[in-house]
Amino acid sequence: MSKVYSIKTVQHLPISLQEAWDFFSSPANLSTITPDHLGFQIVSKHHGEKMYAGQIIEYTVKPVLGIPLYWMTEISHVEDKKYFVDEQRFGPYSLWHHQHHFKETSAGVEMTDIVHYKLPLGILGRLAHCLFVKKQLKQIFDYRYKIVAEKWK
């Protein structure tokens, strides 16, 4: 049986809650905060401009050796300017549950990402996690942190 892993990042941004929500809740901005080498591309045609519960967004991503993978997520929960959750419906993980939380502070916004994920293939999935998946996800979230920090210096 594969293990469920988790990642949590917290970032403070010197912007308004509305500005943070508008940026992070727009699917169009995902490619801005994803490393170029992953070849991230939204391929869905009817995903909508504004986020809503039940929204389906389809992507291709190239996480290993430039091989494109199809990934479909659903925005399963949305509470305006507080949080939203995207969950994988089809893709490389057997579980992907990503929470995005936003909290207004005296200095701007505290943004928290919490991801729970599970890899398929039992022991092979655990091995892949140790060899490269854990490192790659850390690099992706570190990249997002850096890009976001630079955007709102």
Foldseek 3Di string as FASTA:
>chain_A
DWDKDKDKDKDDFQAALVVVLLQPQFPVNPVVLFDVVQVKDWDDDPQDGGDDAQGKTWIWTQPPPRDTWIWIWTFHDDDPSAKIWIWTPDTQFPTWIWIWGWDQDPRHIMIMIMIITTGPDPPVRVVCCVPPPVVSVVVSVVSSNVSSRVVRD
